[in-house]
Amino acid sequence: MNHGLNQIKTKGQHGASKVKQKLQRLLPKPSDKPLKPWTIYLGIAIVLVALFLITLPTILDDSKLEKLGYSELAINGIHEAELVDEVIELNRYNATINTVFENQLNVDPTYLPLYLVNSTVDDTLILKYQRLVVKGYSENEILTLLTTLKDYELTVLLTLPKIDDIQMYIDDCANHPDNSYASFTLDNQYYEPYNMDQSQQSDASNVNMLVNKLNYLGSDYSPLGLGEVSVRYAASGIQLAEECSAALSRMSEAYTSLGYPTGFFVSSGYRDYASQQSAYDGYVASVGADEANNYAIQPGFSEHQTGLAMDLASTAPDLTFEETTEFAWVSINCQDYGFILRYPQGKEYITGINYEPWHYRYVGVETAQAVVNSGMTYEEYYELYLRPLPENIDQLVIENQKAKEEEVVETIAPVETESLIPTIPADPRASATTSSDPQTSEESE
């Protein structure tokens, strides 16, 4: 009983107004007749029982939190945040959660489980969590993935359709300890290229659209503002979207102003659906349908249809583009004009395309600089930061938590988290070895 009264004092005015109302109903009304002693004792007893029953849930909750290991100060903070049920439902002690509530930091109850897997819950971690929910992973699967995978392993996972056996992916990553933001590969293939059941139509309304073997454009898509590029910057007859063409001219003029004896020009730009179909059909007729996928992109899945992609060539004789001064300059400075090297070396597993030092994609200056600074491929960056989230994402998260699987997932100690935007060399591709020319690429986009 004393313990219960102490709890009443330390927890503040829990239910004070309700207690007052009940006491007013329970206490005898004023009377001219003297009260008998037993009625006084009965009234006191009723009051004490009422107080005990009102505070009992708080006492039981505090007892559960104490048994889990939370400090008295943290328990007070949990009460203040009105997150008692949520913390108890986690059914485990977490030092980070204890510290958060001891310091009475603001906590979004929807994302409370994230404190079980990371000492710092920031916007990027919440975004990863949301992306995994949208992909269709269960609550237990998400916590396992966030606990087990390194940052670059998780961003690659976001580029893939939902994997039914996450342990296969976890083991695959563990078997490649040398993977990093600079180079990444796995043994297993987790999707079928060009499979319409796994693919989705790209958001063609945005210059940031993603087009690859899992994201396609319709056969009737044509870029707005499509126009022929000046022969000062491109081969005759080349077309690009107006915004991309303007950025190309700025980049070309900046290079020319440096006084180098040779320059670069666009050798291939916009290709419509029909042109890509014709090229693909030619390969099918020549080498067969299965082998054709190793040499050409199927129509609708090529970036060239966006009008925002271009292949560059150099005026320097007898050199591949990668061997030229033009490549050395463009590969380092392209992001300042809104372009990215779309298919970097060491990332073939992620992009699904062989290294192409000549292929550049316009995404806008701000996005291009962010992609380069992140060290990610465009697939990873788009799926983490750019793909629109459902408007009801918080509700989807809550529903996913409620539907979590019953089996207990083995708790895995958190790994050291790496910087979300790692420091990369000024030119991470400067030491790359020569791959091939557009004419000889095993699979040219």
Protein backbone atom coordinates (compact mmCIF):
# COMPACT_ATOMS: atom_id res chain seq x y z
CA MET A 1 0.00 0.00 0.00
CA ASN A 2 2.85 2.40 0.86
CA HIS A 3 4.45 1.59 -2.48
CA GLY A 4 1.23 2.50 -4.22
CA LEU A 5 0.99 5.84 -2.42
CA ASN A 6 4.59 6.62 -3.28
CA GLN A 7 3.79 5.93 -6.93
CA ILE A 8 0.91 8.41 -6.69
CA LYS A 9 3.28 11.13 -5.45
CA THR A 10 6.02 10.55 -8.01
CA LYS A 11 3.80 10.19 -11.07
CA GLY A 12 2.05 13.53 -10.60
CA GLN A 13 -1.63 14.16 -10.83
CA HIS A 14 -2.64 10.97 -12.72
CA GLY A 15 -6.41 10.94 -12.85
CA ALA A 16 -6.74 13.69 -10.19
CA SER A 17 -9.91 15.13 -11.56
CA LYS A 18 -11.58 11.72 -11.79
CA VAL A 19 -10.57 10.90 -8.20
CA LYS A 20 -12.06 14.17 -6.97
CA GLN A 21 -15.35 13.46 -8.67
CA LYS A 22 -15.56 9.95 -7.26
CA LEU A 23 -14.70 11.16 -3.76
CA GLN A 24 -17.47 13.70 -3.90
CA ARG A 25 -19.93 10.96 -4.71
CA LEU A 26 -18.59 8.55 -2.09
CA LEU A 27 -18.23 10.87 0.91
CA PRO A 28 -21.31 11.24 3.13
CA LYS A 29 -23.34 14.36 2.59
CA PRO A 30 -23.35 16.90 5.45
CA SER A 31 -25.85 16.05 8.14
CA ASP A 32 -26.94 17.48 11.46
CA LYS A 33 -26.74 14.04 12.94
CA PRO A 34 -23.35 12.99 14.32
CA LEU A 35 -21.58 10.35 12.20
CA LYS A 36 -21.09 6.97 13.69
CA PRO A 37 -17.43 5.87 13.86
CA TRP A 38 -17.96 2.90 11.54
CA THR A 39 -19.29 5.15 8.77
CA ILE A 40 -16.17 7.29 8.98
CA TYR A 41 -13.93 4.21 8.73
CA LEU A 42 -16.00 2.89 5.83
CA GLY A 43 -15.67 6.17 3.97
CA ILE A 44 -11.90 6.20 4.45
CA ALA A 45 -11.68 2.59 3.29
CA ILE A 46 -13.73 3.33 0.18
CA VAL A 47 -11.51 6.31 -0.63
CA LEU A 48 -8.32 4.26 -0.26
CA VAL A 49 -9.70 1.40 -2.37
CA ALA A 50 -10.77 3.88 -5.05
CA LEU A 51 -7.33 5.50 -5.06
CA PHE A 52 -5.68 2.10 -5.28
CA LEU A 53 -7.86 0.92 -8.16
CA ILE A 54 -7.29 4.16 -10.06
CA THR A 55 -3.50 4.00 -9.67
CA LEU A 56 -3.21 0.22 -10.10
CA PRO A 57 -2.69 0.32 -13.90
CA THR A 58 0.11 2.87 -13.46
CA ILE A 59 1.69 0.74 -10.74
CA LEU A 60 1.54 -2.37 -12.91
CA ASP A 61 2.93 -0.54 -15.94
CA ASP A 62 5.79 0.90 -13.92
CA SER A 63 6.53 -2.54 -12.53
CA LYS A 64 6.77 -3.94 -16.06
CA LEU A 65 9.06 -1.13 -17.16
CA GLU A 66 11.26 -1.59 -14.08
CA LYS A 67 11.54 -5.33 -14.76
CA LEU A 68 12.61 -4.54 -18.33
CA GLY A 69 15.39 -2.42 -16.86
CA TYR A 70 14.24 1.17 -17.41
CA SER A 71 15.29 3.75 -14.84
CA GLU A 72 12.81 5.71 -12.73
CA LEU A 73 13.72 8.88 -14.60
CA ALA A 74 13.15 7.16 -17.95
CA ILE A 75 9.82 5.76 -16.73
CA ASN A 76 8.70 9.27 -15.81
CA GLY A 77 9.70 10.43 -19.29
CA ILE A 78 7.80 7.53 -20.89
CA HIS A 79 4.69 8.60 -18.95
CA GLU A 80 5.15 12.23 -19.99
CA ALA A 81 5.42 11.17 -23.64
CA GLU A 82 2.34 8.94 -23.21
CA LEU A 83 4.20 6.02 -24.79
CA VAL A 84 3.87 3.49 -21.96
CA ASP A 85 1.99 0.90 -24.02
CA GLU A 86 4.36 1.25 -26.98
CA VAL A 87 7.51 0.75 -24.88
CA ILE A 88 6.01 -2.20 -22.99
CA GLU A 89 4.97 -3.78 -26.29
CA LEU A 90 8.61 -3.81 -27.42
CA ASN A 91 9.15 -6.25 -24.54
CA ARG A 92 12.85 -5.59 -24.21
CA TYR A 93 15.22 -3.09 -22.63
CA ASN A 94 17.07 -0.73 -24.92
CA ALA A 95 19.76 1.61 -23.63
CA THR A 96 19.06 4.15 -26.37
CA ILE A 97 15.36 4.28 -25.52
CA ASN A 98 16.26 4.63 -21.82
CA THR A 99 18.55 7.60 -22.59
CA VAL A 100 16.01 9.21 -24.93
CA PHE A 101 13.31 9.26 -22.26
CA GLU A 102 15.65 10.18 -19.44
CA ASN A 103 16.42 13.32 -21.43
CA GLN A 104 12.77 13.75 -22.45
CA LEU A 105 13.62 13.96 -26.15
CA ASN A 106 10.83 14.11 -28.70
CA VAL A 107 9.96 10.69 -30.09
CA ASP A 108 7.58 9.87 -32.91
CA PRO A 109 5.75 6.82 -31.54
CA THR A 110 5.27 5.44 -35.06
CA TYR A 111 9.02 4.90 -35.40
CA LEU A 112 9.84 3.88 -31.84
CA PRO A 113 11.02 0.38 -32.96
CA LEU A 114 13.89 2.01 -34.87
CA TYR A 115 15.63 2.77 -31.56
CA LEU A 116 16.08 -0.98 -31.18
CA VAL A 117 18.39 -1.09 -34.20
CA ASN A 118 20.20 2.24 -34.16
CA SER A 119 21.39 4.66 -31.50
CA THR A 120 20.44 7.62 -33.71
CA VAL A 121 17.09 7.78 -35.46
CA ASP A 122 17.35 10.43 -38.17
CA ASP A 123 15.29 11.25 -41.24
CA THR A 124 17.35 8.96 -43.47
CA LEU A 125 16.86 5.92 -41.21
CA ILE A 126 13.13 6.63 -41.06
CA LEU A 127 13.12 6.92 -44.86
CA LYS A 128 14.81 3.52 -45.24
CA TYR A 129 12.25 2.06 -42.87
CA GLN A 130 9.40 3.55 -44.90
CA ARG A 131 10.88 2.29 -48.18
CA LEU A 132 11.06 -1.25 -46.83
CA VAL A 133 7.44 -1.05 -45.68
CA VAL A 134 6.36 0.05 -49.17
CA LYS A 135 8.37 -2.83 -50.66
CA GLY A 136 6.21 -5.21 -48.62
CA TYR A 137 8.63 -6.42 -45.95
CA SER A 138 7.19 -7.36 -42.54
CA GLU A 139 8.08 -5.54 -39.34
CA ASN A 140 10.34 -8.36 -38.18
CA GLU A 141 12.04 -8.56 -41.58
CA ILE A 142 12.65 -4.82 -41.59
CA LEU A 143 14.24 -4.79 -38.14
CA THR A 144 16.42 -7.75 -39.13
CA LEU A 145 17.54 -6.03 -42.35
CA LEU A 146 18.25 -2.71 -40.63
CA THR A 147 20.21 -4.49 -37.91
CA THR A 148 22.21 -6.76 -40.20
CA LEU A 149 22.98 -4.94 -43.44
CA LYS A 150 25.52 -2.20 -44.07
CA ASP A 151 24.26 1.04 -45.62
CA TYR A 152 25.34 0.20 -49.17
CA GLU A 153 23.88 -3.31 -48.91
CA LEU A 154 20.55 -1.83 -47.86
CA THR A 155 20.45 0.79 -50.63
CA VAL A 156 21.07 -1.95 -53.21
CA LEU A 157 18.22 -3.97 -51.67
CA LEU A 158 15.91 -1.00 -52.26
CA THR A 159 16.61 -1.20 -56.01
CA LEU A 160 15.30 -4.77 -56.18
CA PRO A 161 11.78 -6.20 -56.11
CA LYS A 162 10.79 -7.66 -52.73
CA ILE A 163 12.91 -10.70 -51.88
CA ASP A 164 10.94 -13.52 -50.24
CA ASP A 165 14.00 -15.07 -48.57
CA ILE A 166 15.85 -12.20 -46.92
CA GLN A 167 18.35 -14.58 -45.35
CA MET A 168 19.58 -15.49 -48.84
CA TYR A 169 20.34 -11.82 -49.51
CA ILE A 170 21.95 -11.36 -46.08
CA ASP A 171 24.19 -14.40 -46.66
CA ASP A 172 25.01 -13.24 -50.19
CA CYS A 173 26.20 -9.90 -48.82
CA ALA A 174 28.22 -11.62 -46.08
CA ASN A 175 29.99 -13.66 -48.76
CA HIS A 176 31.22 -10.43 -50.37
CA PRO A 177 33.04 -8.57 -47.58
CA ASP A 178 34.94 -6.43 -50.10
CA ASN A 179 31.78 -4.72 -51.35
CA SER A 180 31.52 -0.98 -50.78
CA TYR A 181 30.03 2.17 -52.29
CA ALA A 182 32.86 2.05 -54.85
CA SER A 183 32.25 -1.51 -56.03
CA PHE A 184 29.44 -3.99 -55.48
CA THR A 185 28.50 -7.44 -56.68
CA LEU A 186 26.55 -10.48 -55.48
CA ASP A 187 26.29 -14.11 -56.57
CA ASN A 188 22.52 -14.31 -56.97
CA GLN A 189 20.21 -12.49 -59.37
CA TYR A 190 17.08 -11.32 -57.54
CA TYR A 191 14.95 -10.20 -60.48
CA GLU A 192 14.27 -11.03 -64.11
CA PRO A 193 15.14 -8.14 -66.45
CA TYR A 194 12.23 -6.81 -68.50
CA ASN A 195 9.72 -8.91 -66.54
CA MET A 196 6.55 -6.82 -66.66
CA ASP A 197 5.23 -8.48 -63.50
CA GLN A 198 8.22 -7.08 -61.59
CA SER A 199 8.59 -3.81 -63.50
CA GLN A 200 6.76 -0.50 -63.15
CA GLN A 201 6.18 2.43 -65.47
CA SER A 202 8.46 5.40 -64.91
CA ASP A 203 7.23 8.81 -63.79
CA ALA A 204 7.86 10.52 -67.10
CA SER A 205 6.69 13.89 -65.80
CA ASN A 206 9.95 14.50 -63.96
CA VAL A 207 13.46 15.10 -65.23
CA ASN A 208 14.59 12.76 -62.45
CA MET A 209 12.72 9.79 -63.93
CA LEU A 210 14.36 6.38 -63.51
CA VAL A 211 14.55 4.15 -66.58
CA ASN A 212 16.26 0.77 -66.38
CA LYS A 213 15.46 -2.94 -66.69
CA LEU A 214 12.79 -2.62 -63.99
CA ASN A 215 11.36 0.81 -64.89
CA TYR A 216 10.06 1.48 -68.38
CA LEU A 217 8.54 4.17 -70.60
CA GLY A 218 5.42 3.67 -72.71
CA SER A 219 5.69 3.13 -76.44
CA ASP A 220 4.07 6.52 -77.03
CA TYR A 221 6.39 8.52 -74.77
CA SER A 222 8.21 11.44 -76.36
CA PRO A 223 10.13 14.11 -74.39
CA LEU A 224 8.74 17.63 -74.16
CA GLY A 225 10.87 20.25 -75.86
CA LEU A 226 12.70 17.71 -77.98
CA GLY A 227 14.93 19.43 -80.52
CA GLU A 228 17.94 18.97 -82.75
CA VAL A 229 21.29 19.75 -81.13
CA SER A 230 23.65 22.19 -82.86
CA VAL A 231 26.42 20.50 -84.84
CA ARG A 232 28.78 22.56 -82.69
CA TYR A 233 28.02 20.09 -79.88
CA ALA A 234 26.76 16.95 -81.62
CA ALA A 235 26.81 14.88 -84.77
CA SER A 236 24.30 15.89 -87.39
CA GLY A 237 20.68 14.98 -86.65
CA ILE A 238 21.12 14.31 -82.91
CA GLN A 239 18.11 15.24 -80.77
CA LEU A 240 17.89 15.90 -77.01
CA ALA A 241 15.35 17.39 -74.62
CA GLU A 242 15.72 21.18 -74.48
CA GLU A 243 16.92 21.32 -70.85
CA CYS A 244 19.52 18.62 -71.45
CA SER A 245 20.71 20.29 -74.68
CA ALA A 246 21.18 23.64 -72.92
CA ALA A 247 23.22 22.00 -70.14
CA LEU A 248 25.34 20.21 -72.74
CA SER A 249 26.21 23.48 -74.47
CA ARG A 250 27.27 25.06 -71.16
CA MET A 251 29.47 22.08 -70.32
CA SER A 252 31.00 22.00 -73.81
CA GLU A 253 31.77 25.73 -73.80
CA ALA A 254 33.39 25.44 -70.35
CA TYR A 255 35.69 22.70 -71.64
CA THR A 256 36.50 24.55 -74.86
CA SER A 257 37.48 27.67 -72.88
CA LEU A 258 40.34 25.70 -71.29
CA GLY A 259 42.15 25.62 -74.64
CA TYR A 260 42.55 21.87 -75.15
CA PRO A 261 43.32 20.92 -78.78
CA THR A 262 40.51 18.36 -78.99
CA GLY A 263 36.90 18.37 -77.85
CA PHE A 264 33.87 16.13 -77.27
CA PHE A 265 30.52 15.85 -79.03
CA VAL A 266 27.32 13.82 -78.72
CA SER A 267 27.42 10.74 -80.91
CA SER A 268 24.03 9.38 -79.84
CA GLY A 269 21.07 11.06 -78.17
CA TYR A 270 17.31 10.55 -78.28
CA ARG A 271 16.02 7.28 -79.74
CA ASP A 272 12.29 6.72 -79.89
CA TYR A 273 10.57 3.45 -79.03
CA ALA A 274 10.34 2.34 -82.65
CA SER A 275 14.06 2.92 -83.26
CA GLN A 276 14.98 0.92 -80.16
CA GLN A 277 12.58 -1.83 -81.25
CA SER A 278 14.23 -1.96 -84.67
CA ALA A 279 17.73 -2.17 -83.15
CA TYR A 280 16.65 -4.88 -80.72
CA ASP A 281 14.89 -6.89 -83.43
CA GLY A 282 18.08 -6.77 -85.49
CA TYR A 283 20.01 -8.42 -82.68
CA VAL A 284 17.28 -11.02 -82.20
CA ALA A 285 17.44 -11.91 -85.90
CA SER A 286 21.22 -12.10 -85.75
CA VAL A 287 21.95 -13.94 -82.49
CA GLY A 288 18.58 -15.09 -81.12
CA ALA A 289 16.26 -13.68 -78.44
CA ASP A 290 18.21 -14.93 -75.41
CA GLU A 291 21.56 -13.65 -76.65
CA ALA A 292 20.10 -10.36 -77.89
CA ASN A 293 19.56 -9.19 -74.29
CA ASN A 294 23.35 -9.21 -73.88
CA TYR A 295 23.78 -6.71 -76.69
CA ALA A 296 20.81 -4.37 -76.70
CA ILE A 297 18.21 -2.91 -74.35
CA GLN A 298 14.61 -3.85 -75.02
CA PRO A 299 12.40 -0.99 -76.23
CA GLY A 300 10.86 1.07 -73.44
CA PHE A 301 13.69 0.25 -71.05
CA SER A 302 16.35 2.45 -72.67
CA GLU A 303 17.38 5.81 -71.19
CA HIS A 304 17.85 7.17 -74.69
CA GLN A 305 14.06 7.36 -75.04
CA THR A 306 13.99 9.99 -72.27
CA GLY A 307 15.85 12.55 -74.41
CA LEU A 308 17.99 13.13 -71.31
CA ALA A 309 20.75 10.62 -72.07
CA MET A 310 23.67 10.97 -74.43
CA ASP A 311 26.76 9.12 -75.57
CA LEU A 312 29.90 11.25 -75.92
CA ALA A 313 32.82 10.85 -78.30
CA SER A 314 36.12 12.68 -78.65
CA THR A 315 37.67 14.38 -81.65
CA ALA A 316 41.02 12.90 -80.57
CA PRO A 317 42.10 10.29 -83.15
CA ASP A 318 42.91 6.64 -82.38
CA LEU A 319 41.79 6.77 -78.73
CA THR A 320 38.82 5.31 -76.91
CA PHE A 321 36.79 7.95 -75.11
CA GLU A 322 38.01 6.72 -71.73
CA GLU A 323 41.61 7.34 -72.78
CA THR A 324 41.03 10.99 -73.64
CA THR A 325 41.47 14.28 -71.84
CA GLU A 326 37.79 14.89 -72.54
CA PHE A 327 36.73 11.90 -70.45
CA ALA A 328 39.07 12.88 -67.60
CA TRP A 329 37.50 16.35 -67.45
CA VAL A 330 33.85 15.42 -68.08
CA SER A 331 33.83 12.55 -65.57
CA ILE A 332 35.02 14.89 -62.80
CA ASN A 333 33.02 18.02 -63.68
CA CYS A 334 29.80 16.75 -65.29
CA GLN A 335 27.72 17.02 -62.09
CA ASP A 336 28.25 20.79 -62.03
CA TYR A 337 26.26 20.95 -65.27
CA GLY A 338 23.57 18.47 -64.20
CA PHE A 339 25.00 15.23 -65.63
CA ILE A 340 26.06 11.96 -64.04
CA LEU A 341 28.16 9.09 -65.38
CA ARG A 342 25.20 6.75 -65.53
CA TYR A 343 26.88 3.33 -65.64
CA PRO A 344 30.04 3.49 -63.48
CA GLN A 345 32.68 0.81 -63.26
CA GLY A 346 32.25 -1.67 -60.42
CA LYS A 347 28.48 -1.09 -60.24
CA GLU A 348 27.40 -3.32 -63.12
CA TYR A 349 25.48 -5.59 -60.76
CA ILE A 350 23.32 -2.67 -59.62
CA THR A 351 22.77 -0.85 -62.91
CA GLY A 352 22.40 -4.00 -64.99
CA ILE A 353 24.60 -2.37 -67.67
CA ASN A 354 28.28 -2.80 -68.38
CA TYR A 355 30.59 0.10 -67.56
CA GLU A 356 30.06 2.86 -70.15
CA PRO A 357 32.47 5.79 -69.74
CA TRP A 358 30.74 7.59 -72.63
CA HIS A 359 27.12 7.48 -71.38
CA TYR A 360 25.88 10.50 -69.39
CA ARG A 361 22.43 11.27 -68.06
CA TYR A 362 20.97 14.70 -67.29
CA VAL A 363 19.16 14.92 -63.90
CA GLY A 364 19.68 18.59 -62.97
CA VAL A 365 22.57 20.21 -61.11
CA GLU A 366 21.34 19.75 -57.55
CA THR A 367 20.48 16.09 -58.01
CA ALA A 368 23.63 15.33 -59.99
CA GLN A 369 25.87 16.80 -57.30
CA ALA A 370 23.99 14.90 -54.58
CA VAL A 371 24.29 11.59 -56.47
CA VAL A 372 28.04 12.01 -56.98
CA ASN A 373 28.62 13.04 -53.36
CA SER A 374 26.62 10.05 -52.09
CA GLY A 375 28.77 7.52 -53.92
CA MET A 376 25.58 5.72 -54.99
CA THR A 377 24.40 4.66 -58.40
CA TYR A 378 21.38 6.51 -59.73
CA GLU A 379 19.28 3.40 -59.00
CA GLU A 380 20.17 3.56 -55.30
CA TYR A 381 19.81 7.31 -54.96
CA TYR A 382 16.46 7.40 -56.74
CA GLU A 383 14.94 4.54 -54.75
CA LEU A 384 16.09 6.02 -51.43
CA TYR A 385 15.53 9.74 -51.93
CA LEU A 386 13.54 10.51 -55.08
CA ARG A 387 10.79 7.95 -55.63
CA PRO A 388 7.53 9.45 -54.32
CA LEU A 389 6.18 7.87 -51.12
CA PRO A 390 2.48 7.10 -50.67
CA GLU A 391 0.63 9.96 -48.98
CA ASN A 392 -0.57 7.56 -46.27
CA ILE A 393 2.90 6.20 -45.50
CA ASP A 394 2.56 6.64 -41.71
CA GLN A 395 -0.67 4.66 -41.75
CA LEU A 396 1.00 1.92 -43.81
CA VAL A 397 3.79 1.76 -41.23
CA ILE A 398 1.31 1.41 -38.37
CA GLU A 399 -0.64 -1.31 -40.19
CA ASN A 400 2.60 -3.16 -40.92
CA GLN A 401 3.55 -3.06 -37.24
CA LYS A 402 0.16 -4.41 -36.19
CA ALA A 403 0.45 -7.26 -38.68
CA LYS A 404 3.93 -8.29 -37.58
CA GLU A 405 4.70 -11.98 -37.53
CA GLU A 406 4.28 -13.95 -34.33
CA GLU A 407 7.56 -15.83 -34.44
CA VAL A 408 10.43 -14.37 -32.44
CA VAL A 409 13.28 -13.13 -34.59
CA GLU A 410 16.70 -13.69 -33.14
CA THR A 411 18.18 -10.39 -32.00
CA ILE A 412 21.38 -9.51 -33.83
CA ALA A 413 23.85 -7.01 -32.42
CA PRO A 414 23.83 -3.76 -34.42
CA VAL A 415 26.75 -3.27 -36.78
CA GLU A 416 28.75 -0.08 -36.92
CA THR A 417 26.80 2.21 -39.23
CA GLU A 418 28.73 3.95 -41.97
CA SER A 419 28.30 7.52 -43.06
CA LEU A 420 25.21 7.93 -45.21
CA ILE A 421 27.19 10.18 -47.53
CA PRO A 422 30.75 8.83 -47.43
CA THR A 423 33.81 10.79 -48.42
CA ILE A 424 34.83 9.77 -51.92
CA PRO A 425 37.87 10.77 -53.96
CA ALA A 426 37.62 13.78 -56.25
CA ASP A 427 37.72 11.36 -59.17
CA PRO A 428 36.81 7.83 -58.05
CA ARG A 429 37.07 6.67 -61.66
CA ALA A 430 40.51 8.11 -62.46
CA SER A 431 42.29 4.79 -61.93
CA ALA A 432 39.67 2.75 -63.82
CA THR A 433 40.98 0.47 -66.52
CA THR A 434 39.74 0.75 -70.07
CA SER A 435 36.60 -1.27 -70.73
CA SER A 436 35.28 -0.83 -74.24
CA ASP A 437 33.90 1.54 -76.81
CA PRO A 438 30.19 1.99 -77.59
CA GLN A 439 30.66 -0.14 -80.66
CA THR A 440 32.14 -3.10 -78.77
CA SER A 441 30.29 -3.03 -75.44
CA GLU A 442 28.84 -6.39 -74.45
CA GLU A 443 25.62 -4.60 -73.58
CA SER A 444 25.40 -1.02 -74.77
CA GLU A 445 22.57 1.12 -73.44
